[in-house]
Amino acid sequence: MKKKDLIEQLVSEIETGRIRTLGIYGHGASGKSTFAQELHQALDSTTVNLLETDPYITSERHLVVPKQAPDQKVTACLPVAHELASLQRDILALQAGMDILTIDESWKASEVLSGGKPILIVEGMSVGFLPKELFDKTICFYTDEETELKRR
């Protein structure tokens, strides 16, 4: 399916109320963020929040040691690198109608996401490690190693 067609299909599902919380996740450099931004722009900005999950990836990964593989380098591909409890709390807060303050990052300033907006798009690798029940629909993006390397 072409990206334009997928965006049109999702906009239709969102506007008819079939999707209220959408999760977008997948491989690094697979196009998740670009797709989420384009979908967000195709929707009415007064009704939709876009929650990016990169700030929920711990910057102190060198301090984290996986119990099952103590010699393995901790990358964002491992669930232990993600602050999933905080992310889940923030998703549930938005779904319950509460505002949240996003995490301040060097590439993006903190902002308030309004719990009054009925639609939530959650984008990032962390989505793949959360309970699927949090979402009405999830989409997984894939890219092969060579493409990921070129994009990075």
N, C-alpha and C. Protein backbone atom coordinates (compact mmCIF):
# COMPACT_ATOMS: atom_id res chain seq x y z
N MET A 1 0.85 -1.18 0.00
CA MET A 1 0.00 0.00 0.00
C MET A 1 0.89 1.24 0.00
N LYS A 2 0.55 2.20 -0.79
CA LYS A 2 1.31 3.45 -0.85
C LYS A 2 1.02 4.30 0.38
N LYS A 3 2.01 5.12 0.75
CA LYS A 3 1.89 5.95 1.95
C LYS A 3 0.66 6.85 1.88
N LYS A 4 0.44 7.47 0.74
CA LYS A 4 -0.71 8.38 0.58
C LYS A 4 -2.02 7.64 0.85
N ASP A 5 -2.12 6.40 0.32
CA ASP A 5 -3.34 5.60 0.51
C ASP A 5 -3.52 5.21 1.97
N LEU A 6 -2.42 4.86 2.64
CA LEU A 6 -2.50 4.49 4.05
C LEU A 6 -2.91 5.69 4.89
N ILE A 7 -2.37 6.85 4.60
CA ILE A 7 -2.76 8.07 5.34
C ILE A 7 -4.24 8.34 5.13
N GLU A 8 -4.72 8.24 3.89
CA GLU A 8 -6.15 8.47 3.62
C GLU A 8 -7.03 7.47 4.37
N GLN A 9 -6.62 6.21 4.39
CA GLN A 9 -7.38 5.18 5.11
C GLN A 9 -7.43 5.49 6.60
N LEU A 10 -6.27 5.86 7.18
CA LEU A 10 -6.23 6.15 8.62
C LEU A 10 -7.03 7.40 8.96
N VAL A 11 -6.94 8.42 8.12
CA VAL A 11 -7.73 9.64 8.36
C VAL A 11 -9.21 9.28 8.39
N SER A 12 -9.64 8.44 7.46
CA SER A 12 -11.05 8.01 7.42
C SER A 12 -11.43 7.26 8.70
N GLU A 13 -10.58 6.32 9.12
CA GLU A 13 -10.86 5.54 10.33
C GLU A 13 -10.87 6.44 11.58
N ILE A 14 -9.99 7.42 11.61
CA ILE A 14 -9.94 8.35 12.76
C ILE A 14 -11.16 9.26 12.76
N GLU A 15 -11.48 9.83 11.60
CA GLU A 15 -12.60 10.77 11.53
C GLU A 15 -13.95 10.11 11.78
N THR A 16 -14.06 8.81 11.51
CA THR A 16 -15.32 8.10 11.79
C THR A 16 -15.35 7.51 13.20
N GLY A 17 -14.27 7.71 13.97
CA GLY A 17 -14.24 7.27 15.36
C GLY A 17 -13.78 5.84 15.59
N ARG A 18 -13.38 5.13 14.53
CA ARG A 18 -12.92 3.75 14.71
C ARG A 18 -11.55 3.70 15.37
N ILE A 19 -10.76 4.75 15.20
CA ILE A 19 -9.46 4.83 15.86
C ILE A 19 -9.42 6.11 16.68
N ARG A 20 -9.12 5.95 17.97
CA ARG A 20 -8.91 7.11 18.84
C ARG A 20 -7.46 7.17 19.29
N THR A 21 -6.83 6.00 19.46
CA THR A 21 -5.41 5.94 19.83
C THR A 21 -4.69 5.04 18.84
N LEU A 22 -3.73 5.62 18.13
CA LEU A 22 -2.97 4.91 17.10
C LEU A 22 -1.51 4.84 17.53
N GLY A 23 -0.94 3.65 17.47
CA GLY A 23 0.48 3.47 17.77
C GLY A 23 1.26 3.21 16.49
N ILE A 24 2.36 3.93 16.31
CA ILE A 24 3.23 3.75 15.14
C ILE A 24 4.61 3.41 15.66
N TYR A 25 5.13 2.24 15.28
CA TYR A 25 6.44 1.82 15.79
C TYR A 25 7.19 1.07 14.70
N GLY A 26 8.41 0.68 15.00
CA GLY A 26 9.18 -0.10 14.05
C GLY A 26 10.67 0.18 14.13
N HIS A 27 11.36 -0.32 13.14
CA HIS A 27 12.82 -0.21 13.07
C HIS A 27 13.28 1.25 13.02
N GLY A 28 14.52 1.46 13.44
CA GLY A 28 15.13 2.77 13.31
C GLY A 28 15.24 3.16 11.84
N ALA A 29 15.03 4.42 11.56
CA ALA A 29 15.14 4.97 10.21
C ALA A 29 14.17 4.33 9.22
N SER A 30 13.04 3.83 9.72
CA SER A 30 12.06 3.20 8.83
C SER A 30 11.02 4.18 8.31
N GLY A 31 11.01 5.40 8.80
CA GLY A 31 10.06 6.40 8.34
C GLY A 31 8.90 6.64 9.28
N LYS A 32 8.98 6.13 10.51
CA LYS A 32 7.89 6.28 11.50
C LYS A 32 7.58 7.75 11.77
N SER A 33 8.62 8.51 12.10
CA SER A 33 8.42 9.91 12.49
C SER A 33 7.87 10.73 11.33
N THR A 34 8.42 10.54 10.15
CA THR A 34 7.94 11.27 8.97
C THR A 34 6.48 10.93 8.70
N PHE A 35 6.15 9.65 8.76
CA PHE A 35 4.77 9.22 8.52
C PHE A 35 3.83 9.82 9.57
N ALA A 36 4.23 9.75 10.84
CA ALA A 36 3.39 10.28 11.92
C ALA A 36 3.15 11.78 11.75
N GLN A 37 4.19 12.51 11.37
CA GLN A 37 4.05 13.96 11.14
C GLN A 37 3.07 14.23 9.99
N GLU A 38 3.21 13.47 8.91
CA GLU A 38 2.32 13.66 7.75
C GLU A 38 0.87 13.32 8.10
N LEU A 39 0.68 12.25 8.86
CA LEU A 39 -0.67 11.90 9.30
C LEU A 39 -1.23 12.98 10.21
N HIS A 40 -0.43 13.44 11.15
CA HIS A 40 -0.83 14.51 12.07
C HIS A 40 -1.27 15.75 11.30
N GLN A 41 -0.51 16.11 10.27
CA GLN A 41 -0.84 17.29 9.47
C GLN A 41 -2.11 17.10 8.64
N ALA A 42 -2.44 15.85 8.31
CA ALA A 42 -3.64 15.57 7.52
C ALA A 42 -4.91 15.62 8.37
N LEU A 43 -4.75 15.69 9.68
CA LEU A 43 -5.89 15.72 10.60
C LEU A 43 -6.11 17.12 11.16
N ASP A 44 -7.25 17.33 11.77
CA ASP A 44 -7.58 18.61 12.41
C ASP A 44 -6.75 18.76 13.67
N SER A 45 -5.85 19.73 13.69
CA SER A 45 -4.92 19.90 14.81
C SER A 45 -5.62 20.21 16.14
N THR A 46 -6.88 20.61 16.09
CA THR A 46 -7.59 20.89 17.33
C THR A 46 -8.12 19.62 17.99
N THR A 47 -8.00 18.48 17.29
CA THR A 47 -8.55 17.24 17.84
C THR A 47 -7.52 16.15 18.05
N VAL A 48 -6.26 16.38 17.70
CA VAL A 48 -5.27 15.29 17.74
C VAL A 48 -3.97 15.71 18.42
N ASN A 49 -3.46 14.82 19.26
CA ASN A 49 -2.14 14.96 19.86
C ASN A 49 -1.18 13.99 19.19
N LEU A 50 0.07 14.41 19.06
CA LEU A 50 1.13 13.52 18.60
C LEU A 50 2.14 13.41 19.74
N LEU A 51 2.25 12.21 20.30
CA LEU A 51 3.19 11.95 21.39
C LEU A 51 4.36 11.14 20.83
N GLU A 52 5.53 11.76 20.79
CA GLU A 52 6.73 11.09 20.30
C GLU A 52 7.42 10.40 21.47
N THR A 53 7.86 9.16 21.25
CA THR A 53 8.37 8.37 22.37
C THR A 53 9.89 8.40 22.52
N ASP A 54 10.61 9.00 21.59
CA ASP A 54 12.07 9.03 21.72
C ASP A 54 12.54 9.58 23.07
N PRO A 55 11.88 10.59 23.62
CA PRO A 55 12.33 11.08 24.94
C PRO A 55 12.19 10.07 26.08
N TYR A 56 11.44 8.99 25.86
CA TYR A 56 11.27 7.96 26.87
C TYR A 56 12.36 6.89 26.80
N ILE A 57 13.28 7.05 25.85
CA ILE A 57 14.44 6.15 25.78
C ILE A 57 15.49 6.74 26.70
N THR A 58 15.97 5.94 27.63
CA THR A 58 16.89 6.46 28.63
C THR A 58 18.21 6.87 28.00
N SER A 59 18.69 8.02 28.39
CA SER A 59 19.99 8.50 27.90
C SER A 59 21.12 7.87 28.71
N GLU A 60 20.76 7.16 29.77
CA GLU A 60 21.77 6.53 30.65
C GLU A 60 21.85 5.03 30.36
N ARG A 61 21.78 4.67 29.07
CA ARG A 61 21.78 3.25 28.71
C ARG A 61 23.03 2.52 29.19
N HIS A 62 24.14 3.24 29.31
CA HIS A 62 25.38 2.59 29.76
C HIS A 62 25.28 2.12 31.22
N LEU A 63 24.30 2.64 31.95
CA LEU A 63 24.11 2.23 33.34
C LEU A 63 23.18 1.02 33.47
N VAL A 64 22.53 0.67 32.37
CA VAL A 64 21.56 -0.43 32.37
C VAL A 64 22.25 -1.72 31.93
N VAL A 65 22.06 -2.78 32.69
CA VAL A 65 22.65 -4.08 32.36
C VAL A 65 21.52 -5.10 32.27
N PRO A 66 21.28 -5.66 31.08
CA PRO A 66 20.22 -6.67 30.97
C PRO A 66 20.57 -7.92 31.79
N LYS A 67 19.64 -8.38 32.60
CA LYS A 67 19.87 -9.55 33.45
C LYS A 67 20.21 -10.80 32.64
N GLN A 68 19.49 -10.99 31.52
CA GLN A 68 19.66 -12.20 30.73
C GLN A 68 20.98 -12.20 29.94
N ALA A 69 21.51 -11.03 29.61
CA ALA A 69 22.72 -10.94 28.78
C ALA A 69 23.58 -9.78 29.28
N PRO A 70 24.29 -9.97 30.39
CA PRO A 70 25.01 -8.85 31.02
C PRO A 70 26.11 -8.23 30.15
N ASP A 71 26.58 -8.94 29.13
CA ASP A 71 27.62 -8.38 28.27
C ASP A 71 27.07 -7.68 27.02
N GLN A 72 25.76 -7.70 26.86
CA GLN A 72 25.16 -7.11 25.67
C GLN A 72 25.05 -5.59 25.82
N LYS A 73 25.43 -4.87 24.76
CA LYS A 73 25.29 -3.42 24.76
C LYS A 73 23.80 -3.08 24.71
N VAL A 74 23.38 -2.14 25.52
CA VAL A 74 21.97 -1.76 25.56
C VAL A 74 21.72 -0.68 24.51
N THR A 75 20.91 -1.04 23.52
CA THR A 75 20.50 -0.10 22.48
C THR A 75 19.01 0.13 22.60
N ALA A 76 18.49 1.02 21.78
CA ALA A 76 17.05 1.30 21.81
C ALA A 76 16.23 0.13 21.30
N CYS A 77 16.86 -0.90 20.78
CA CYS A 77 16.14 -2.09 20.31
C CYS A 77 15.72 -2.99 21.47
N LEU A 78 16.20 -2.72 22.67
CA LEU A 78 15.86 -3.54 23.83
C LEU A 78 14.84 -2.81 24.72
N PRO A 79 13.82 -3.52 25.17
CA PRO A 79 12.81 -2.88 26.02
C PRO A 79 13.39 -2.22 27.27
N VAL A 80 14.46 -2.76 27.82
CA VAL A 80 15.04 -2.22 29.05
C VAL A 80 15.56 -0.79 28.86
N ALA A 81 15.77 -0.37 27.63
CA ALA A 81 16.25 0.99 27.35
C ALA A 81 15.13 2.02 27.38
N HIS A 82 13.90 1.59 27.53
CA HIS A 82 12.74 2.48 27.44
C HIS A 82 12.10 2.66 28.81
N GLU A 83 11.69 3.86 29.12
CA GLU A 83 10.98 4.15 30.36
C GLU A 83 9.49 3.93 30.09
N LEU A 84 9.11 2.66 30.01
CA LEU A 84 7.77 2.28 29.57
C LEU A 84 6.68 2.63 30.58
N ALA A 85 6.99 2.56 31.86
CA ALA A 85 5.97 2.87 32.87
C ALA A 85 5.54 4.33 32.76
N SER A 86 6.49 5.23 32.57
CA SER A 86 6.15 6.66 32.42
C SER A 86 5.38 6.92 31.14
N LEU A 87 5.78 6.27 30.06
CA LEU A 87 5.09 6.44 28.79
C LEU A 87 3.65 5.93 28.89
N GLN A 88 3.48 4.76 29.48
CA GLN A 88 2.13 4.22 29.64
C GLN A 88 1.28 5.14 30.51
N ARG A 89 1.87 5.66 31.58
CA ARG A 89 1.15 6.61 32.45
C ARG A 89 0.69 7.82 31.65
N ASP A 90 1.56 8.36 30.79
CA ASP A 90 1.21 9.56 30.02
C ASP A 90 0.14 9.26 28.97
N ILE A 91 0.20 8.09 28.34
CA ILE A 91 -0.84 7.71 27.38
C ILE A 91 -2.20 7.59 28.10
N LEU A 92 -2.20 6.90 29.23
CA LEU A 92 -3.44 6.73 29.99
C LEU A 92 -3.99 8.07 30.48
N ALA A 93 -3.10 8.98 30.87
CA ALA A 93 -3.53 10.31 31.31
C ALA A 93 -4.23 11.05 30.17
N LEU A 94 -3.62 11.04 28.99
CA LEU A 94 -4.24 11.71 27.83
C LEU A 94 -5.57 11.05 27.49
N GLN A 95 -5.62 9.73 27.52
CA GLN A 95 -6.87 9.03 27.22
C GLN A 95 -7.97 9.34 28.25
N ALA A 96 -7.56 9.66 29.47
CA ALA A 96 -8.51 9.99 30.54
C ALA A 96 -8.89 11.47 30.54
N GLY A 97 -8.35 12.22 29.59
CA GLY A 97 -8.70 13.64 29.49
C GLY A 97 -7.80 14.58 30.25
N MET A 98 -6.67 14.09 30.74
CA MET A 98 -5.72 14.95 31.46
C MET A 98 -4.63 15.47 30.52
N ASP A 99 -4.17 16.67 30.78
CA ASP A 99 -3.04 17.23 30.04
C ASP A 99 -1.75 16.61 30.54
N ILE A 100 -0.75 16.55 29.67
CA ILE A 100 0.59 16.14 30.09
C ILE A 100 1.60 17.13 29.55
N LEU A 101 2.74 17.19 30.21
CA LEU A 101 3.87 17.99 29.76
C LEU A 101 4.89 17.02 29.18
N THR A 102 5.24 17.21 27.90
CA THR A 102 6.19 16.29 27.28
C THR A 102 7.59 16.53 27.84
N ILE A 103 8.45 15.58 27.60
CA ILE A 103 9.82 15.64 28.10
C ILE A 103 10.65 16.56 27.22
N ASP A 104 11.35 17.47 27.84
CA ASP A 104 12.21 18.42 27.12
C ASP A 104 13.42 17.68 26.55
N GLU A 105 13.73 17.92 25.29
CA GLU A 105 14.89 17.31 24.63
C GLU A 105 15.66 18.39 23.88
N SER A 106 16.91 18.11 23.55
CA SER A 106 17.72 19.09 22.84
C SER A 106 17.15 19.41 21.46
N TRP A 107 16.44 18.46 20.85
CA TRP A 107 15.90 18.67 19.51
C TRP A 107 14.46 19.18 19.52
N LYS A 108 13.81 19.19 20.69
CA LYS A 108 12.43 19.64 20.77
C LYS A 108 12.09 20.08 22.19
N ALA A 109 11.58 21.28 22.29
CA ALA A 109 11.21 21.82 23.60
C ALA A 109 9.98 21.10 24.15
N SER A 110 9.87 21.08 25.46
CA SER A 110 8.71 20.52 26.14
C SER A 110 7.45 21.28 25.73
N GLU A 111 6.33 20.56 25.66
CA GLU A 111 5.06 21.21 25.33
C GLU A 111 3.94 20.51 26.08
N VAL A 112 2.82 21.21 26.23
CA VAL A 112 1.65 20.62 26.86
C VAL A 112 0.81 19.95 25.79
N LEU A 113 0.50 18.67 26.00
CA LEU A 113 -0.47 17.98 25.15
C LEU A 113 -1.80 17.99 25.89
N SER A 114 -2.85 18.36 25.20
CA SER A 114 -4.15 18.56 25.81
C SER A 114 -4.96 17.27 25.89
N GLY A 115 -5.37 16.94 27.09
CA GLY A 115 -6.25 15.79 27.29
C GLY A 115 -7.64 16.02 26.70
N GLY A 116 -7.93 17.25 26.32
CA GLY A 116 -9.21 17.56 25.70
C GLY A 116 -9.29 17.13 24.24
N LYS A 117 -8.16 16.76 23.66
CA LYS A 117 -8.16 16.30 22.27
C LYS A 117 -8.46 14.80 22.25
N PRO A 118 -9.47 14.38 21.50
CA PRO A 118 -9.91 12.98 21.56
C PRO A 118 -9.03 11.98 20.82
N ILE A 119 -8.13 12.44 19.97
CA ILE A 119 -7.32 11.54 19.15
C ILE A 119 -5.87 11.62 19.59
N LEU A 120 -5.23 10.45 19.70
CA LEU A 120 -3.84 10.39 20.12
C LEU A 120 -3.06 9.49 19.16
N ILE A 121 -1.99 10.06 18.61
CA ILE A 121 -1.04 9.29 17.81
C ILE A 121 0.22 9.17 18.66
N VAL A 122 0.67 7.93 18.91
CA VAL A 122 1.87 7.68 19.69
C VAL A 122 2.89 7.09 18.72
N GLU A 123 4.04 7.74 18.59
CA GLU A 123 5.02 7.34 17.58
C GLU A 123 6.37 7.04 18.19
N GLY A 124 6.94 5.91 17.83
CA GLY A 124 8.30 5.59 18.23
C GLY A 124 8.45 4.12 18.57
N MET A 125 9.69 3.72 18.67
CA MET A 125 10.03 2.33 18.93
C MET A 125 9.39 1.81 20.22
N SER A 126 9.23 2.67 21.20
CA SER A 126 8.67 2.26 22.50
C SER A 126 7.29 1.64 22.37
N VAL A 127 6.52 2.07 21.39
CA VAL A 127 5.16 1.55 21.20
C VAL A 127 5.17 0.02 21.08
N GLY A 128 6.19 -0.52 20.45
CA GLY A 128 6.28 -1.96 20.26
C GLY A 128 6.46 -2.75 21.54
N PHE A 129 6.83 -2.07 22.63
CA PHE A 129 7.06 -2.74 23.91
C PHE A 129 5.92 -2.53 24.90
N LEU A 130 4.89 -1.80 24.50
CA LEU A 130 3.74 -1.52 25.36
C LEU A 130 2.61 -2.51 25.12
N PRO A 131 1.71 -2.67 26.08
CA PRO A 131 0.55 -3.54 25.88
C PRO A 131 -0.30 -3.05 24.70
N LYS A 132 -0.65 -3.94 23.81
CA LYS A 132 -1.43 -3.56 22.61
C LYS A 132 -2.82 -3.04 22.97
N GLU A 133 -3.30 -3.37 24.17
CA GLU A 133 -4.63 -2.91 24.60
C GLU A 133 -4.70 -1.40 24.75
N LEU A 134 -3.56 -0.73 24.83
CA LEU A 134 -3.55 0.74 24.93
C LEU A 134 -4.00 1.41 23.64
N PHE A 135 -3.97 0.66 22.53
CA PHE A 135 -4.18 1.24 21.22
C PHE A 135 -5.38 0.60 20.52
N ASP A 136 -6.05 1.42 19.72
CA ASP A 136 -7.11 0.88 18.87
C ASP A 136 -6.50 0.20 17.65
N LYS A 137 -5.35 0.69 17.23
CA LYS A 137 -4.64 0.12 16.08
C LYS A 137 -3.17 0.46 16.22
N THR A 138 -2.32 -0.47 15.78
CA THR A 138 -0.88 -0.19 15.71
C THR A 138 -0.40 -0.51 14.30
N ILE A 139 0.62 0.24 13.89
CA ILE A 139 1.25 0.03 12.59
C ILE A 139 2.74 -0.12 12.84
N CYS A 140 3.32 -1.16 12.25
CA CYS A 140 4.75 -1.42 12.40
C CYS A 140 5.46 -1.14 11.08
N PHE A 141 6.50 -0.30 11.14
CA PHE A 141 7.31 0.02 9.96
C PHE A 141 8.58 -0.82 10.01
N TYR A 142 8.98 -1.29 8.87
CA TYR A 142 10.18 -2.12 8.77
C TYR A 142 11.13 -1.51 7.75
N THR A 143 12.42 -1.63 8.03
CA THR A 143 13.43 -1.30 7.03
C THR A 143 14.57 -2.30 7.17
N ASP A 144 15.19 -2.60 6.06
CA ASP A 144 16.32 -3.53 6.10
C ASP A 144 17.57 -2.80 6.61
N GLU A 145 18.58 -3.57 6.98
CA GLU A 145 19.80 -3.00 7.58
C GLU A 145 20.49 -2.01 6.66
N GLU A 146 20.56 -2.32 5.37
CA GLU A 146 21.27 -1.44 4.44
C GLU A 146 20.57 -0.08 4.33
N THR A 147 19.25 -0.10 4.23
CA THR A 147 18.51 1.15 4.15
C THR A 147 18.64 1.95 5.44
N GLU A 148 18.58 1.27 6.57
CA GLU A 148 18.73 1.96 7.86
C GLU A 148 20.10 2.63 7.93
N LEU A 149 21.14 1.95 7.54
CA LEU A 149 22.49 2.50 7.57
C LEU A 149 22.59 3.72 6.66
N LYS A 150 22.01 3.67 5.47
CA LYS A 150 22.05 4.80 4.54
C LYS A 150 21.33 6.00 5.11
N ARG A 151 20.17 5.78 5.72
CA ARG A 151 19.37 6.87 6.26
C ARG A 151 20.01 7.53 7.47
N ARG A 152 20.77 6.76 8.23
CA ARG A 152 21.43 7.30 9.41
C ARG A 152 22.71 7.97 9.02
